[in-house]
Protein backbone atom coordinates (compact mmCIF):
# COMPACT_ATOMS: atom_id res chain seq x y z
CA UNK A 1 -17.94 55.42 300.28
CA UNK A 2 -19.67 56.49 303.48
CA UNK A 3 -23.38 56.36 304.35
CA UNK A 4 -23.87 60.03 303.57
CA UNK A 5 -22.72 59.53 300.01
CA UNK A 6 -24.98 56.46 299.69
CA UNK A 7 -28.03 58.49 300.80
CA UNK A 8 -27.26 61.22 298.30
CA UNK A 9 -27.41 58.78 295.35
CA UNK A 10 -30.44 56.77 296.55
CA UNK A 11 -34.02 57.79 295.96
CA UNK A 12 -37.38 56.04 295.94
CA UNK A 13 -39.00 55.01 292.68
CA UNK A 14 -42.33 56.83 292.25
CA UNK A 15 -44.39 58.34 289.47
CA UNK A 16 -43.85 62.08 289.86
CA UNK A 17 -45.42 62.95 286.51
CA UNK A 18 -49.13 62.91 285.73
CA UNK A 19 -51.29 60.49 287.74
CA UNK A 20 -52.29 57.21 286.11
CA UNK A 21 -55.48 58.15 284.22
CA UNK A 22 -58.78 56.39 284.83
CA UNK A 23 -60.24 54.76 281.73
CA UNK A 24 -63.60 56.27 280.78
CA UNK A 25 -65.38 53.28 279.23
CA UNK A 26 -68.88 54.60 279.77
CA UNK A 27 -70.37 57.72 281.19
CA UNK A 28 -70.51 57.56 284.99
CA UNK A 29 -73.88 57.69 286.74
CA UNK A 30 -75.22 61.04 287.75
CA UNK A 31 -74.22 62.10 291.23
CA UNK A 32 -76.89 63.18 293.65
CA UNK A 33 -77.01 64.54 297.18
CA UNK A 34 -73.80 65.42 298.92
CA UNK A 35 -71.63 64.13 296.09
CA UNK A 36 -72.94 66.83 293.75
CA UNK A 37 -71.29 69.52 295.85
CA UNK A 38 -67.88 68.11 294.86
CA UNK A 39 -68.44 69.42 291.33
CA UNK A 40 -67.93 72.96 292.59
CA UNK A 41 -64.52 72.10 294.06
CA UNK A 42 -61.36 71.89 292.06
CA UNK A 43 -59.79 68.54 291.30
CA UNK A 44 -56.60 69.52 293.17
CA UNK A 45 -58.63 70.51 296.26
CA UNK A 46 -60.50 67.19 296.27
CA UNK A 47 -57.32 65.13 295.99
CA UNK A 48 -55.57 67.23 298.59
CA UNK A 49 -58.44 66.98 301.03
CA UNK A 50 -58.78 63.20 300.69
CA UNK A 51 -55.04 62.67 301.00
CA UNK A 52 -54.89 64.85 304.13
CA UNK A 53 -57.69 62.84 305.75
CA UNK A 54 -56.01 59.57 304.83
CA UNK A 55 -52.70 60.79 306.16
CA UNK A 56 -54.28 61.78 309.48
CA UNK A 57 -55.91 58.34 309.82
CA UNK A 58 -52.65 56.52 309.08
CA UNK A 59 -50.72 58.65 311.56
CA UNK A 60 -53.36 58.05 314.22
CA UNK A 61 -53.31 54.29 313.59
CA UNK A 62 -49.53 54.12 313.80
CA UNK A 63 -49.45 56.13 317.01
CA UNK A 64 -51.63 53.46 318.72
CA UNK A 65 -49.85 50.41 317.24
CA UNK A 66 -46.72 48.57 318.29
CA UNK A 67 -43.46 48.91 316.31
CA UNK A 68 -43.85 45.37 314.93
CA UNK A 69 -47.28 46.19 313.47
CA UNK A 70 -46.20 49.35 311.70
CA UNK A 71 -44.58 47.54 308.79
CA UNK A 72 -47.38 45.71 307.00
CA UNK A 73 -47.79 44.15 303.60
CA UNK A 74 -49.74 47.17 302.36
CA UNK A 75 -46.98 49.53 303.40
CA UNK A 76 -44.36 47.47 301.57
CA UNK A 77 -46.51 47.44 298.45
CA UNK A 78 -47.08 51.18 298.53
CA UNK A 79 -43.37 51.78 299.10
CA UNK A 80 -42.02 49.63 296.26
CA UNK A 81 -44.72 49.51 293.57
CA UNK A 82 -43.76 52.85 292.07
CA UNK A 83 -41.60 51.27 289.34
CA UNK A 84 -44.70 49.64 287.82
CA UNK A 85 -46.52 52.97 287.62
CA UNK A 86 -43.50 54.74 286.14
CA UNK A 87 -43.37 52.10 283.42
CA UNK A 88 -47.13 52.36 282.84
CA UNK A 89 -47.00 56.14 282.62
CA UNK A 90 -44.17 56.01 280.09
CA UNK A 91 -46.13 53.57 277.95
CA UNK A 92 -49.11 55.93 278.03
CA UNK A 93 -46.92 58.85 276.98
CA UNK A 94 -45.39 56.72 274.22
CA UNK A 95 -48.65 55.54 272.64
CA UNK A 96 -50.38 58.89 273.16
CA UNK A 97 -47.75 60.60 270.95
CA UNK A 98 -46.72 63.06 273.69
CA UNK A 99 -43.23 63.09 272.15
CA UNK A 100 -43.65 62.14 268.46
CA UNK A 101 -39.96 61.38 267.96
CA UNK A 102 -40.08 58.70 270.68
CA UNK A 103 -43.17 57.09 269.18
CA UNK A 104 -41.64 57.08 265.70
CA UNK A 105 -38.46 55.55 267.10
CA UNK A 106 -40.53 52.82 268.70
CA UNK A 107 -42.30 52.17 265.38
CA UNK A 108 -38.95 51.94 263.61
CA UNK A 109 -37.69 49.31 266.09
CA UNK A 110 -41.02 47.46 265.86
CA UNK A 111 -40.77 47.44 262.06
CA UNK A 112 -37.29 45.93 262.15
CA UNK A 113 -38.47 43.21 264.54
CA UNK A 114 -41.50 42.40 262.35
CA UNK A 115 -39.34 42.15 259.24
CA UNK A 116 -36.68 40.08 261.00
CA UNK A 117 -38.12 38.34 264.11
CA UNK A 118 -34.69 36.97 265.05
CA UNK A 119 -33.88 40.44 266.34
CA UNK A 120 -36.03 39.62 269.37
CA UNK A 121 -32.99 37.80 270.76
CA UNK A 122 -31.08 41.11 270.71
CA UNK A 123 -33.89 43.15 272.27
CA UNK A 124 -33.41 42.12 275.97
CA UNK A 125 -29.66 42.74 275.76
CA UNK A 126 -30.12 46.12 274.08
CA UNK A 127 -32.76 47.11 276.62
CA UNK A 128 -30.40 46.20 279.47
CA UNK A 129 -27.63 48.29 277.91
CA UNK A 130 -29.60 51.42 277.03
CA UNK A 131 -32.15 51.52 279.87
CA UNK A 132 -30.10 50.12 282.75
CA UNK A 133 -26.36 50.27 282.23
CA UNK A 134 -26.02 53.58 280.36
CA UNK A 135 -28.21 55.60 282.82
CA UNK A 136 -26.31 54.06 285.75
CA UNK A 137 -22.96 55.05 284.19
CA UNK A 138 -24.14 58.59 283.45
CA UNK A 139 -25.30 58.92 287.06
CA UNK A 140 -21.72 58.33 288.21
CA UNK A 141 -20.21 60.52 285.46
CA UNK A 142 -22.57 63.48 285.25
CA UNK A 143 -21.79 66.48 283.02
CA UNK A 144 -20.25 69.47 284.77
CA UNK A 145 -22.57 72.31 285.77
CA UNK A 146 -23.03 75.02 283.21
CA UNK A 147 -20.63 77.89 283.66
CA UNK A 148 -19.19 80.71 281.63
CA UNK A 149 -15.71 79.43 282.47
CA UNK A 150 -16.32 76.04 280.85
CA UNK A 151 -16.85 75.64 277.13
CA UNK A 152 -16.39 72.49 275.10
CA UNK A 153 -17.67 68.96 274.68
CA UNK A 154 -18.68 66.71 277.54
CA UNK A 155 -16.05 64.07 278.30
CA UNK A 156 -16.78 60.89 280.27
CA UNK A 157 -13.12 60.21 281.01
CA UNK A 158 -11.69 60.26 284.46
CA UNK A 159 -12.76 58.79 287.80
CA UNK A 160 -16.43 58.85 288.89
CA UNK A 161 -17.46 62.13 290.44
CA UNK A 162 -20.87 61.12 291.84
CA UNK A 163 -22.11 58.24 293.97
CA UNK A 164 -24.00 55.36 292.32
CA UNK A 165 -27.72 55.78 292.16
CA UNK A 166 -29.65 53.20 294.15
CA UNK A 167 -33.35 52.65 294.60
CA UNK A 168 -34.89 52.56 298.05
CA UNK A 169 -38.51 52.14 299.16
CA UNK A 170 -40.56 55.27 299.56
CA UNK A 171 -40.71 56.36 303.21
CA UNK A 172 -44.05 55.88 304.88
CA UNK A 173 -46.39 58.89 304.78
CA UNK A 174 -44.14 60.66 302.29
CA UNK A 175 -45.29 62.25 299.04
CA UNK A 176 -44.00 59.33 296.98
CA UNK A 177 -45.83 56.93 299.30
CA UNK A 178 -49.13 58.71 298.65
CA UNK A 179 -48.38 58.96 294.92
CA UNK A 180 -48.09 55.17 294.81
CA UNK A 181 -51.37 54.85 296.71
CA UNK A 182 -53.06 57.19 294.25
CA UNK A 183 -51.78 55.34 291.18
CA UNK A 184 -52.68 51.95 292.65
CA UNK A 185 -56.22 53.14 293.30
CA UNK A 186 -56.53 54.49 289.75
CA UNK A 187 -55.18 51.23 288.30
CA UNK A 188 -57.70 49.17 290.28
CA UNK A 189 -60.47 51.46 289.05
CA UNK A 190 -59.27 50.94 285.46
CA UNK A 191 -59.34 47.18 285.95
CA UNK A 192 -62.84 47.29 287.45
CA UNK A 193 -64.22 49.37 284.58
CA UNK A 194 -62.58 47.23 281.91
CA UNK A 195 -63.81 44.08 283.61
CA UNK A 196 -67.40 45.35 283.77
CA UNK A 197 -67.29 46.52 280.15
CA UNK A 198 -65.92 43.19 278.89
CA UNK A 199 -68.55 41.28 280.86
CA UNK A 200 -71.32 43.47 279.43
CA UNK A 201 -69.93 43.08 275.89
CA UNK A 202 -69.02 39.38 275.80
CA UNK A 203 -71.47 37.69 278.16
CA UNK A 204 -74.72 38.18 276.15
CA UNK A 205 -73.17 36.43 273.14
CA UNK A 206 -71.34 33.61 274.94
CA UNK A 207 -73.50 32.49 277.88
CA UNK A 208 -76.28 31.03 275.66
CA UNK A 209 -78.93 33.33 277.11
CA UNK A 210 -79.88 33.74 273.45
CA UNK A 211 -79.14 30.21 272.35
CA UNK A 212 -79.46 30.92 268.64
CA UNK A 213 -76.87 33.73 268.64
CA UNK A 214 -74.48 31.81 270.90
CA UNK A 215 -74.81 28.73 268.68
CA UNK A 216 -74.06 30.79 265.57
CA UNK A 217 -71.00 32.29 267.28
CA UNK A 218 -69.86 28.83 268.34
CA UNK A 219 -70.15 27.56 264.78
CA UNK A 220 -68.24 30.56 263.42
CA UNK A 221 -65.42 30.13 265.96
CA UNK A 222 -65.23 26.38 265.35
CA UNK A 223 -65.08 26.93 261.59
CA UNK A 224 -62.39 29.58 261.99
CA UNK A 225 -60.35 27.24 264.18
CA UNK A 226 -60.56 24.47 261.57
CA UNK A 227 -59.54 26.84 258.76
CA UNK A 228 -56.60 28.27 260.75
CA UNK A 229 -55.50 24.76 261.74
CA UNK A 230 -54.92 24.07 258.05
CA UNK A 231 -54.00 27.48 256.60
CA UNK A 232 -52.15 29.16 259.49
CA UNK A 233 -48.73 28.41 258.03
CA UNK A 234 -49.70 30.07 254.73
CA UNK A 235 -50.63 33.46 256.24
CA UNK A 236 -48.14 36.38 256.03
CA UNK A 237 -47.76 36.82 259.77
CA UNK A 238 -44.93 39.37 259.48
CA UNK A 239 -47.06 41.68 257.38
CA UNK A 240 -50.07 41.12 259.64
CA UNK A 241 -48.15 42.07 262.78
CA UNK A 242 -46.47 44.99 261.02
CA UNK A 243 -49.71 46.52 259.75
CA UNK A 244 -51.56 45.71 262.98
CA UNK A 245 -48.91 47.31 265.19
CA UNK A 246 -48.78 50.46 263.09
CA UNK A 247 -52.58 50.68 263.04
CA UNK A 248 -52.87 50.33 266.82
CA UNK A 249 -50.15 52.92 267.42
CA UNK A 250 -51.64 55.39 264.94
CA UNK A 251 -55.03 55.07 266.65
CA UNK A 252 -53.48 56.70 269.71
CA UNK A 253 -52.60 59.88 267.80
CA UNK A 254 -54.76 62.86 268.85
CA UNK A 255 -55.85 63.52 265.25
CA UNK A 256 -56.89 59.88 264.80
CA UNK A 257 -58.90 59.96 268.03
CA UNK A 258 -60.66 63.14 266.93
CA UNK A 259 -61.54 61.48 263.61
CA UNK A 260 -62.90 58.37 265.37
CA UNK A 261 -65.03 60.49 267.69
CA UNK A 262 -66.44 62.43 264.78
CA UNK A 263 -67.25 59.25 262.84
CA UNK A 264 -69.12 57.70 265.77
CA UNK A 265 -71.95 60.19 265.37
CA UNK A 266 -72.26 59.67 261.61
CA UNK A 267 -75.82 58.73 260.67
CA UNK A 268 -74.79 56.75 257.59
CA UNK A 269 -72.43 54.60 259.64
CA UNK A 270 -75.16 53.85 262.16
CA UNK A 271 -77.52 52.84 259.36
CA UNK A 272 -74.96 50.45 257.90
CA UNK A 273 -74.31 49.00 261.34
CA UNK A 274 -78.05 48.44 261.88
CA UNK A 275 -78.35 46.84 258.43
CA UNK A 276 -75.47 44.44 259.14
CA UNK A 277 -76.99 43.55 262.50
CA UNK A 278 -80.36 42.80 260.88
CA UNK A 279 -78.71 40.54 258.28
CA UNK A 280 -76.91 38.56 260.95
CA UNK A 281 -80.11 38.26 262.99
CA UNK A 282 -82.01 37.06 259.91
CA UNK A 283 -79.34 34.46 259.14
CA UNK A 284 -79.44 33.22 262.73
CA UNK A 285 -83.23 32.99 262.71
CA UNK A 286 -83.36 31.15 259.36
CA UNK A 287 -80.38 28.79 259.53
CA UNK A 288 -79.89 27.96 263.23
CA UNK A 289 -82.33 25.21 264.22
CA UNK A 290 -82.63 24.46 267.92
CA UNK A 291 -84.37 21.61 269.72
CA UNK A 292 -87.76 22.90 270.80
CA UNK A 293 -88.59 20.02 273.17
CA UNK A 294 -86.49 19.08 276.23
CA UNK A 295 -84.68 15.75 276.23
CA UNK A 296 -86.79 12.72 277.19
CA UNK A 297 -85.64 9.44 278.70
CA UNK A 298 -87.12 6.31 280.21
CA UNK A 299 -86.51 5.49 283.87
CA UNK A 300 -87.22 2.20 285.60
CA UNK A 301 -88.12 0.90 289.03
CA UNK A 302 -88.45 -2.68 290.23
CA UNK A 303 -91.32 -3.81 292.43
CA UNK A 304 -89.88 -6.37 294.83
CA UNK A 305 -91.95 -8.89 296.80
CA UNK A 306 -90.86 -11.44 299.37
CA UNK A 307 -92.19 -14.74 300.71
CA UNK A 308 -90.88 -16.38 303.83
CA UNK A 309 -88.68 -19.44 303.30
CA UNK A 310 -90.93 -21.56 305.58
CA UNK A 311 -93.90 -20.91 303.33
CA UNK A 312 -92.13 -21.74 300.06
CA UNK A 313 -93.42 -25.31 299.93
CA UNK A 314 -96.94 -24.19 300.76
CA UNK A 315 -99.17 -21.64 299.13
CA UNK A 316 -97.88 -18.68 301.16
CA UNK A 317 -98.84 -15.14 300.22
CA UNK A 318 -96.28 -12.80 298.67
CA UNK A 319 -95.61 -9.74 300.81
CA UNK A 320 -94.97 -6.36 299.12
CA UNK A 321 -91.46 -5.36 300.12
CA UNK A 322 -89.82 -2.43 298.32
CA UNK A 323 -89.58 -0.41 295.13
CA UNK A 324 -85.88 -0.51 294.32
CA UNK A 325 -83.75 0.71 291.35
CA UNK A 326 -82.04 -2.72 290.98
CA UNK A 327 -83.72 -6.11 290.37
CA UNK A 328 -81.95 -7.77 293.35
CA UNK A 329 -81.33 -10.93 291.36
CA UNK A 330 -79.62 -13.99 292.89
CA UNK A 331 -76.15 -13.07 291.62
CA UNK A 332 -76.27 -9.32 292.30
CA UNK A 333 -73.37 -7.96 294.43
CA UNK A 334 -75.67 -6.80 297.22
CA UNK A 335 -77.40 -10.20 297.32
CA UNK A 336 -74.09 -12.09 297.46
CA UNK A 337 -72.81 -9.75 300.21
CA UNK A 338 -75.89 -10.54 302.28
CA UNK A 339 -77.26 -6.99 302.20
CA UNK A 340 -80.95 -6.25 302.27
CA UNK A 341 -82.51 -4.43 299.27
CA UNK A 342 -82.72 -0.65 299.48
CA UNK A 343 -85.60 1.49 298.27
CA UNK A 344 -88.97 2.92 299.27
CA UNK A 345 -92.06 1.12 300.53
CA UNK A 346 -94.67 3.05 298.56
CA UNK A 347 -95.01 3.79 294.85
CA UNK A 348 -95.90 7.43 295.54
CA UNK A 349 -92.52 8.01 297.20
CA UNK A 350 -90.57 7.21 294.02
CA UNK A 351 -89.32 10.54 292.68
CA UNK A 352 -87.79 11.64 289.41
CA UNK A 353 -83.97 11.81 289.14
CA UNK A 354 -82.36 15.16 290.04
CA UNK A 355 -82.67 17.64 287.16
CA UNK A 356 -85.60 15.74 285.60
CA UNK A 357 -89.38 15.86 285.91
CA UNK A 358 -92.15 13.44 285.03
CA UNK A 359 -93.39 13.65 281.44
CA UNK A 360 -96.42 11.35 281.87
CA UNK A 361 -98.88 10.77 284.69
CA UNK A 362 -98.38 7.12 285.67
CA UNK A 363 -96.02 4.17 285.60
CA UNK A 364 -96.29 1.46 282.94
CA UNK A 365 -95.72 -2.24 283.60
CA UNK A 366 -93.03 -3.74 281.37
CA UNK A 367 -94.65 -6.76 279.67
CA UNK A 368 -91.38 -7.86 278.06
CA UNK A 369 -89.72 -9.32 281.13
CA UNK A 370 -87.64 -11.69 279.02
CA UNK A 371 -85.85 -8.77 277.32
CA UNK A 372 -84.61 -6.97 280.42
CA UNK A 373 -83.54 -10.30 281.93
CA UNK A 374 -81.50 -11.06 278.80
CA UNK A 375 -80.02 -7.56 278.68
CA UNK A 376 -78.72 -7.85 282.25
CA UNK A 377 -77.64 -11.49 281.76
CA UNK A 378 -79.52 -12.50 284.90
CA UNK A 379 -79.22 -16.19 285.83
CA UNK A 380 -81.06 -18.40 288.28
CA UNK A 381 -84.53 -16.92 287.66
CA UNK A 382 -87.86 -18.07 286.27
CA UNK A 383 -89.67 -15.64 283.94
CA UNK A 384 -93.45 -15.44 283.88
CA UNK A 385 -94.42 -15.06 280.21
CA UNK A 386 -98.09 -14.23 280.85
CA UNK A 387 -100.10 -12.56 283.55
CA UNK A 388 -98.34 -10.05 285.80
CA UNK A 389 -94.86 -10.71 284.34
CA UNK A 390 -93.10 -11.57 287.59
CA UNK A 391 -89.54 -12.82 287.53
CA UNK A 392 -89.04 -15.40 290.33
CA UNK A 393 -85.92 -16.70 291.98
CA UNK A 394 -85.36 -20.36 291.26
CA UNK A 395 -85.36 -22.81 294.13
CA UNK A 396 -82.00 -24.20 295.22
CA UNK A 397 -82.73 -27.58 293.64
CA UNK A 398 -83.62 -26.05 290.28
CA UNK A 399 -80.55 -23.81 290.44
CA UNK A 400 -78.22 -26.77 290.98
CA UNK A 401 -79.89 -28.63 288.14
CA UNK A 402 -79.54 -25.55 285.87
CA UNK A 403 -75.84 -25.23 286.64
CA UNK A 404 -75.36 -28.93 285.87
CA UNK A 405 -77.23 -28.66 282.56
CA UNK A 406 -75.30 -25.53 281.53
CA UNK A 407 -71.99 -27.30 282.27
CA UNK A 408 -72.95 -30.36 280.25
CA UNK A 409 -74.22 -28.21 277.37
CA UNK A 410 -70.95 -26.26 277.26
CA UNK A 411 -69.01 -29.56 277.05
CA UNK A 412 -71.30 -30.76 274.28
CA UNK A 413 -70.74 -27.53 272.44
CA UNK A 414 -67.00 -28.17 272.39
CA UNK A 415 -67.57 -31.64 270.93
CA UNK A 416 -70.27 -30.84 268.39
CA UNK A 417 -68.99 -27.44 267.28
CA UNK A 418 -71.34 -24.51 266.93
CA UNK A 419 -74.65 -24.75 268.77
CA UNK A 420 -77.14 -22.35 270.29
CA UNK A 421 -76.11 -20.84 273.66
CA UNK A 422 -78.14 -22.20 276.59
CA UNK A 423 -80.65 -19.89 278.27
CA UNK A 424 -79.81 -18.50 281.68
CA UNK A 425 -83.44 -18.53 282.81
CA UNK A 426 -86.54 -20.73 282.56
CA UNK A 427 -90.11 -20.03 281.61
CA UNK A 428 -92.75 -20.60 284.24
CA UNK A 429 -95.90 -19.40 285.95
CA UNK A 430 -94.57 -19.12 289.49
CA UNK A 431 -96.94 -21.80 290.81
CA UNK A 432 -94.22 -24.38 291.38
CA UNK A 433 -91.28 -24.46 293.73
CA UNK A 434 -89.62 -21.00 293.55
CA UNK A 435 -87.29 -18.87 295.65
CA UNK A 436 -87.90 -16.17 298.25
CA UNK A 437 -87.99 -13.13 295.97
CA UNK A 438 -89.81 -12.03 292.88
CA UNK A 439 -89.73 -8.74 290.99
CA UNK A 440 -91.22 -6.96 288.00
CA UNK A 441 -90.21 -3.84 286.10
CA UNK A 442 -92.11 -0.56 285.80
CA UNK A 443 -91.14 2.28 283.46
CA UNK A 444 -91.96 5.96 283.16
CA UNK A 445 -90.88 8.81 280.89
CA UNK A 446 -89.00 11.83 282.29
CA UNK A 447 -87.81 15.03 280.64
CA UNK A 448 -85.13 17.56 281.53
CA UNK A 449 -86.22 20.23 283.95
CA UNK A 450 -85.93 23.74 282.53
CA UNK A 451 -84.64 26.26 285.07
CA UNK A 452 -85.49 29.90 284.54
CA UNK A 453 -82.91 31.22 287.01
CA UNK A 454 -79.54 30.19 288.36
CA UNK A 455 -79.50 28.20 291.62
CA UNK A 456 -78.62 30.28 294.64
């Protein structure tokens, strides 16, 4: 078969019927200025004028570009995407009842599949036979042209009399090329309108802008999920899909759409809708209890003071050092690694954690030093039980003696059985021989910061 015969049987795939319609979700805004003059022009004139301008721009761009730049991704899309729009247009014609016999045939096949879901295994094979193989065979064995000399039934016997039909991309700047551009633009407009409508419909109920309504919806969805988790296998899914599919298809009938449009303006229906909305709002207001006060927590900071090792034996003065989030005890990782404590020099520079704000005006000294030492299992310290509640580092001699006493007490515990666990700290006043560092704990209450707008 020569190239001429191949070209006769090949044609681009494009939607040559009605353009892909644009979904009218809401009424478009009123046009003002120059756009209002377009109302006086016909729809065909507007489309023709815009396509002519676009065609001139494309031709001008290609005349100034190199041959390698002429074939772009957009051109390949516009040349080959026609099959998607043909399929979409046929679905629209099917569900809009343009040909009632086709829609009823679809409902008959859908009914058989709902009653016997195992037929889904046959559906891809049947679709390949009837929508791919049979049309390809008929393209090679077409019926003879009508003539007064020929009368009788159409016979498919004999050798093929026509070349096989192939699909090729639409040539650039052809009518099919611009048809694909038109349908792609309409499809993107449909997606944009549906996206905006879904955002406007779903977002107010799901983004917790009204926390009571969103909480009620969350509870309803969670309850439904729990019920379906248990009872899903008891539902008649075949009947549900059968009735649902028929209902959706019947809603596309022109008479059904006219009935729906007439019912939308019914005053009684609007009153019932308002009454149902008021009942739901009353239930949400009465039964959904929300926390009125923001969350509160206690934060801590440790005041750290230092005394030089040469002045330990004498009555040297303690030097204010830092306000740090950790106690910097003798066995802390930073202390063992030889790192210096990190923090701020002044109390006023201590800020609230990110996302929190101060709930009271000043810091409070923790008078129960023994408790936070026990909670952190801090060893090698001396706790001041009265006064300013400092927790001192033990001197090296006291620390060695403490380790020796704890070892001997653990051995005695093995011999004697159960006994009270030894303390990991000693009581004192800090006037004796102590280490280089001392610290005390301050606390303050914070609450969650309420933001009125999203961060930029």
